[in-house]
Amino acid sequence: MLRAIADDELSGVLITDTGMRRVLHPYDGGADVLLTTPAERDRMRDRHADWLSGHPSGL
């Protein structure tokens, strides 16, 4: 499924935890991740800093 999304063959996919508190929205250019708190966001950002864009905003 993720390969199909990366190849732009599939779109509109959301992957969530069972409580729908965290959301992953993969797309052909990357992914958006929605987390529950700013602290959780910051931990994810710090853990996966190499995934972020080189743009100063990180977007």
PDB file of N, CA and C in Angstrom:
ATOM      1  N   MET A   1       0.821  -1.174   0.000  1.00  0.00           N
ATOM      2  CA  MET A   1       0.000   0.000   0.000  1.00  0.00           C
ATOM      3  C   MET A   1       0.877   1.255   0.000  1.00  0.00           C
ATOM      4  N   LEU A   2       1.906   1.287   0.861  1.00  0.00           N
ATOM      5  CA  LEU A   2       2.757   2.478   0.912  1.00  0.00           C
ATOM      6  C   LEU A   2       3.500   2.691  -0.400  1.00  0.00           C
ATOM      7  N   ARG A   3       3.904   1.604  -1.057  1.00  0.00           N
ATOM      8  CA  ARG A   3       4.565   1.732  -2.361  1.00  0.00           C
ATOM      9  C   ARG A   3       3.593   2.333  -3.378  1.00  0.00           C
ATOM     10  N   ALA A   4       2.355   1.896  -3.387  1.00  0.00           N
ATOM     11  CA  ALA A   4       1.353   2.442  -4.308  1.00  0.00           C
ATOM     12  C   ALA A   4       1.125   3.924  -4.046  1.00  0.00           C
ATOM     13  N   ILE A   5       1.128   4.322  -2.793  1.00  0.00           N
ATOM     14  CA  ILE A   5       0.979   5.740  -2.460  1.00  0.00           C
ATOM     15  C   ILE A   5       2.192   6.516  -2.946  1.00  0.00           C
ATOM     16  N   ALA A   6       3.395   6.001  -2.682  1.00  0.00           N
ATOM     17  CA  ALA A   6       4.627   6.673  -3.108  1.00  0.00           C
ATOM     18  C   ALA A   6       4.695   6.811  -4.621  1.00  0.00           C
ATOM     19  N   ASP A   7       4.147   5.844  -5.334  1.00  0.00           N
ATOM     20  CA  ASP A   7       4.137   5.881  -6.800  1.00  0.00           C
ATOM     21  C   ASP A   7       2.939   6.635  -7.355  1.00  0.00           C
ATOM     22  N   ASP A   8       2.163   7.285  -6.494  1.00  0.00           N
ATOM     23  CA  ASP A   8       0.984   8.067  -6.863  1.00  0.00           C
ATOM     24  C   ASP A   8      -0.077   7.229  -7.578  1.00  0.00           C
ATOM     25  N   GLU A   9      -0.155   5.955  -7.206  1.00  0.00           N
ATOM     26  CA  GLU A   9      -1.177   5.062  -7.747  1.00  0.00           C
ATOM     27  C   GLU A   9      -2.383   4.969  -6.814  1.00  0.00           C
ATOM     28  N   LEU A  10      -2.202   5.413  -5.576  1.00  0.00           N
ATOM     29  CA  LEU A  10      -3.239   5.342  -4.557  1.00  0.00           C
ATOM     30  C   LEU A  10      -3.156   6.625  -3.742  1.00  0.00           C
ATOM     31  N   SER A  11      -4.295   7.183  -3.400  1.00  0.00           N
ATOM     32  CA  SER A  11      -4.290   8.413  -2.605  1.00  0.00           C
ATOM     33  C   SER A  11      -5.457   8.403  -1.628  1.00  0.00           C
ATOM     34  N   GLY A  12      -5.471   9.401  -0.762  1.00  0.00           N
ATOM     35  CA  GLY A  12      -6.575   9.537   0.186  1.00  0.00           C
ATOM     36  C   GLY A  12      -6.527   8.533   1.322  1.00  0.00           C
ATOM     37  N   VAL A  13      -5.338   8.038   1.650  1.00  0.00           N
ATOM     38  CA  VAL A  13      -5.198   7.038   2.699  1.00  0.00           C
ATOM     39  C   VAL A  13      -4.825   7.719   4.016  1.00  0.00           C
ATOM     40  N   LEU A  14      -5.522   7.369   5.066  1.00  0.00           N
ATOM     41  CA  LEU A  14      -5.190   7.811   6.415  1.00  0.00           C
ATOM     42  C   LEU A  14      -4.976   6.568   7.273  1.00  0.00           C
ATOM     43  N   ILE A  15      -3.903   6.565   8.024  1.00  0.00           N
ATOM     44  CA  ILE A  15      -3.604   5.459   8.932  1.00  0.00           C
ATOM     45  C   ILE A  15      -3.662   6.047  10.340  1.00  0.00           C
ATOM     46  N   THR A  16      -4.445   5.412  11.220  1.00  0.00           N
ATOM     47  CA  THR A  16      -4.622   5.959  12.568  1.00  0.00           C
ATOM     48  C   THR A  16      -4.358   4.883  13.619  1.00  0.00           C
ATOM     49  N   ASP A  17      -4.171   5.335  14.849  1.00  0.00           N
ATOM     50  CA  ASP A  17      -4.168   4.397  15.961  1.00  0.00           C
ATOM     51  C   ASP A  17      -5.618   4.007  16.241  1.00  0.00           C
ATOM     52  N   THR A  18      -5.811   3.047  17.110  1.00  0.00           N
ATOM     53  CA  THR A  18      -7.177   2.548  17.324  1.00  0.00           C
ATOM     54  C   THR A  18      -8.111   3.584  17.939  1.00  0.00           C
ATOM     55  N   GLY A  19      -7.573   4.582  18.609  1.00  0.00           N
ATOM     56  CA  GLY A  19      -8.411   5.634  19.179  1.00  0.00           C
ATOM     57  C   GLY A  19      -8.552   6.839  18.279  1.00  0.00           C
ATOM     58  N   MET A  20      -7.959   6.764  17.094  1.00  0.00           N
ATOM     59  CA  MET A  20      -7.953   7.857  16.116  1.00  0.00           C
ATOM     60  C   MET A  20      -7.397   9.152  16.714  1.00  0.00           C
ATOM     61  N   ARG A  21      -6.384   9.016  17.577  1.00  0.00           N
ATOM     62  CA  ARG A  21      -5.742  10.186  18.173  1.00  0.00           C
ATOM     63  C   ARG A  21      -4.506  10.607  17.388  1.00  0.00           C
ATOM     64  N   ARG A  22      -3.904   9.665  16.697  1.00  0.00           N
ATOM     65  CA  ARG A  22      -2.717   9.939  15.889  1.00  0.00           C
ATOM     66  C   ARG A  22      -3.027   9.534  14.456  1.00  0.00           C
ATOM     67  N   VAL A  23      -2.609  10.382  13.519  1.00  0.00           N
ATOM     68  CA  VAL A  23      -2.958  10.145  12.120  1.00  0.00           C
ATOM     69  C   VAL A  23      -1.697  10.274  11.272  1.00  0.00           C
ATOM     70  N   LEU A  24      -1.517   9.319  10.363  1.00  0.00           N
ATOM     71  CA  LEU A  24      -0.472   9.378   9.344  1.00  0.00           C
ATOM     72  C   LEU A  24      -1.170   9.514   8.003  1.00  0.00           C
ATOM     73  N   HIS A  25      -0.794  10.542   7.242  1.00  0.00           N
ATOM     74  CA  HIS A  25      -1.354  10.747   5.909  1.00  0.00           C
ATOM     75  C   HIS A  25      -0.206  10.715   4.904  1.00  0.00           C
ATOM     76  N   PRO A  26       0.117   9.523   4.389  1.00  0.00           N
ATOM     77  CA  PRO A  26       1.192   9.430   3.404  1.00  0.00           C
ATOM     78  C   PRO A  26       0.705   9.892   2.035  1.00  0.00           C
ATOM     79  N   TYR A  27       1.607  10.474   1.268  1.00  0.00           N
ATOM     80  CA  TYR A  27       1.306  10.878  -0.101  1.00  0.00           C
ATOM     81  C   TYR A  27       2.576  10.754  -0.923  1.00  0.00           C
ATOM     82  N   ASP A  28       2.475  10.985  -2.226  1.00  0.00           N
ATOM     83  CA  ASP A  28       3.597  10.704  -3.120  1.00  0.00           C
ATOM     84  C   ASP A  28       4.831  11.549  -2.829  1.00  0.00           C
ATOM     85  N   GLY A  29       4.712  12.658  -2.116  1.00  0.00           N
ATOM     86  CA  GLY A  29       5.870  13.490  -1.805  1.00  0.00           C
ATOM     87  C   GLY A  29       6.321  13.405  -0.363  1.00  0.00           C
ATOM     88  N   GLY A  30       5.715  12.543   0.441  1.00  0.00           N
ATOM     89  CA  GLY A  30       6.083  12.445   1.849  1.00  0.00           C
ATOM     90  C   GLY A  30       4.908  12.001   2.688  1.00  0.00           C
ATOM     91  N   ALA A  31       4.759  12.621   3.845  1.00  0.00           N
ATOM     92  CA  ALA A  31       3.658  12.254   4.737  1.00  0.00           C
ATOM     93  C   ALA A  31       3.432  13.376   5.744  1.00  0.00           C
ATOM     94  N   ASP A  32       2.197  13.497   6.186  1.00  0.00           N
ATOM     95  CA  ASP A  32       1.855  14.378   7.297  1.00  0.00           C
ATOM     96  C   ASP A  32       1.553  13.478   8.487  1.00  0.00           C
ATOM     97  N   VAL A  33       2.008  13.901   9.650  1.00  0.00           N
ATOM     98  CA  VAL A  33       1.766  13.153  10.879  1.00  0.00           C
ATOM     99  C   VAL A  33       1.087  14.093  11.864  1.00  0.00           C
ATOM    100  N   LEU A  34      -0.060  13.693  12.362  1.00  0.00           N
ATOM    101  CA  LEU A  34      -0.794  14.464  13.363  1.00  0.00           C
ATOM    102  C   LEU A  34      -0.699  13.713  14.677  1.00  0.00           C
ATOM    103  N   LEU A  35      -0.194  14.389  15.709  1.00  0.00           N
ATOM    104  CA  LEU A  35       0.019  13.761  16.999  1.00  0.00           C
ATOM    105  C   LEU A  35      -0.813  14.450  18.067  1.00  0.00           C
ATOM    106  N   THR A  36      -0.794  13.903  19.278  1.00  0.00           N
ATOM    107  CA  THR A  36      -1.729  14.357  20.307  1.00  0.00           C
ATOM    108  C   THR A  36      -1.293  15.603  21.053  1.00  0.00           C
ATOM    109  N   THR A  37       0.006  15.824  21.183  1.00  0.00           N
ATOM    110  CA  THR A  37       0.477  16.964  21.970  1.00  0.00           C
ATOM    111  C   THR A  37       1.710  17.592  21.314  1.00  0.00           C
ATOM    112  N   PRO A  38       1.998  18.824  21.631  1.00  0.00           N
ATOM    113  CA  PRO A  38       3.239  19.430  21.137  1.00  0.00           C
ATOM    114  C   PRO A  38       4.489  18.658  21.584  1.00  0.00           C
ATOM    115  N   ALA A  39       4.463  18.111  22.794  1.00  0.00           N
ATOM    116  CA  ALA A  39       5.616  17.337  23.278  1.00  0.00           C
ATOM    117  C   ALA A  39       5.825  16.078  22.437  1.00  0.00           C
ATOM    118  N   GLU A  40       4.735  15.403  22.087  1.00  0.00           N
ATOM    119  CA  GLU A  40       4.839  14.212  21.240  1.00  0.00           C
ATOM    120  C   GLU A  40       5.357  14.606  19.855  1.00  0.00           C
ATOM    121  N   ARG A  41       4.875  15.703  19.339  1.00  0.00           N
ATOM    122  CA  ARG A  41       5.355  16.219  18.060  1.00  0.00           C
ATOM    123  C   ARG A  41       6.854  16.494  18.108  1.00  0.00           C
ATOM    124  N   ASP A  42       7.290  17.147  19.168  1.00  0.00           N
ATOM    125  CA  ASP A  42       8.700  17.492  19.289  1.00  0.00           C
ATOM    126  C   ASP A  42       9.580  16.248  19.389  1.00  0.00           C
ATOM    127  N   ARG A  43       9.117  15.242  20.128  1.00  0.00           N
ATOM    128  CA  ARG A  43       9.881  13.982  20.208  1.00  0.00           C
ATOM    129  C   ARG A  43      10.000  13.331  18.839  1.00  0.00           C
ATOM    130  N   MET A  44       8.907  13.313  18.069  1.00  0.00           N
ATOM    131  CA  MET A  44       8.930  12.730  16.726  1.00  0.00           C
ATOM    132  C   MET A  44       9.869  13.532  15.821  1.00  0.00           C
ATOM    133  N   ARG A  45       9.789  14.847  15.893  1.00  0.00           N
ATOM    134  CA  ARG A  45      10.654  15.717  15.090  1.00  0.00           C
ATOM    135  C   ARG A  45      12.123  15.455  15.416  1.00  0.00           C
ATOM    136  N   ASP A  46      12.441  15.379  16.693  1.00  0.00           N
ATOM    137  CA  ASP A  46      13.829  15.173  17.098  1.00  0.00           C
ATOM    138  C   ASP A  46      14.330  13.775  16.732  1.00  0.00           C
ATOM    139  N   ARG A  47      13.472  12.791  16.864  1.00  0.00           N
ATOM    140  CA  ARG A  47      13.849  11.399  16.561  1.00  0.00           C
ATOM    141  C   ARG A  47      14.069  11.187  15.070  1.00  0.00           C
ATOM    142  N   HIS A  48      13.324  11.913  14.232  1.00  0.00           N
ATOM    143  CA  HIS A  48      13.377  11.701  12.788  1.00  0.00           C
ATOM    144  C   HIS A  48      13.726  12.990  12.050  1.00  0.00           C
ATOM    145  N   ALA A  49      14.669  13.736  12.578  1.00  0.00           N
ATOM    146  CA  ALA A  49      15.050  15.027  11.990  1.00  0.00           C
ATOM    147  C   ALA A  49      15.483  14.878  10.532  1.00  0.00           C
ATOM    148  N   ASP A  50      16.059  13.740  10.185  1.00  0.00           N
ATOM    149  CA  ASP A  50      16.506  13.530   8.803  1.00  0.00           C
ATOM    150  C   ASP A  50      15.349  13.374   7.824  1.00  0.00           C
ATOM    151  N   TRP A  51      14.135  13.196   8.313  1.00  0.00           N
ATOM    152  CA  TRP A  51      12.961  13.101   7.441  1.00  0.00           C
ATOM    153  C   TRP A  51      12.442  14.464   7.015  1.00  0.00           C
ATOM    154  N   LEU A  52      12.820  15.513   7.745  1.00  0.00           N
ATOM    155  CA  LEU A  52      12.265  16.843   7.486  1.00  0.00           C
ATOM    156  C   LEU A  52      12.878  17.478   6.236  1.00  0.00           C
ATOM    157  N   SER A  53      12.117  18.358   5.660  1.00  0.00           N
ATOM    158  CA  SER A  53      12.569  19.143   4.525  1.00  0.00           C
ATOM    159  C   SER A  53      13.757  20.003   4.943  1.00  0.00           C
ATOM    160  N   GLY A  54      14.599  20.370   3.979  1.00  0.00           N
ATOM    161  CA  GLY A  54      15.691  21.274   4.235  1.00  0.00           C
ATOM    162  C   GLY A  54      15.248  22.722   4.349  1.00  0.00           C
ATOM    163  N   HIS A  55      13.999  23.008   4.056  1.00  0.00           N
ATOM    164  CA  HIS A  55      13.462  24.356   4.160  1.00  0.00           C
ATOM    165  C   HIS A  55      13.520  24.813   5.616  1.00  0.00           C
ATOM    166  N   PRO A  56      13.855  26.070   5.890  1.00  0.00           N
ATOM    167  CA  PRO A  56      13.968  26.543   7.273  1.00  0.00           C
ATOM    168  C   PRO A  56      12.738  26.264   8.141  1.00  0.00           C
ATOM    169  N   SER A  57      11.554  26.231   7.565  1.00  0.00           N
ATOM    170  CA  SER A  57      10.344  25.967   8.350  1.00  0.00           C
ATOM    171  C   SER A  57      10.163  24.485   8.639  1.00  0.00           C
ATOM    172  N   GLY A  58      10.940  23.641   7.971  1.00  0.00           N
ATOM    173  CA  GLY A  58      10.777  22.203   8.136  1.00  0.00           C
ATOM    174  C   GLY A  58       9.669  21.625   7.273  1.00  0.00           C
ATOM    175  N   LEU A  59       9.003  22.458   6.478  1.00  0.00           N
ATOM    176  CA  LEU A  59       7.908  21.994   5.635  1.00  0.00           C
ATOM    177  C   LEU A  59       8.404  21.634   4.250  1.00  0.00           C
TER     178      LEU A  59
END
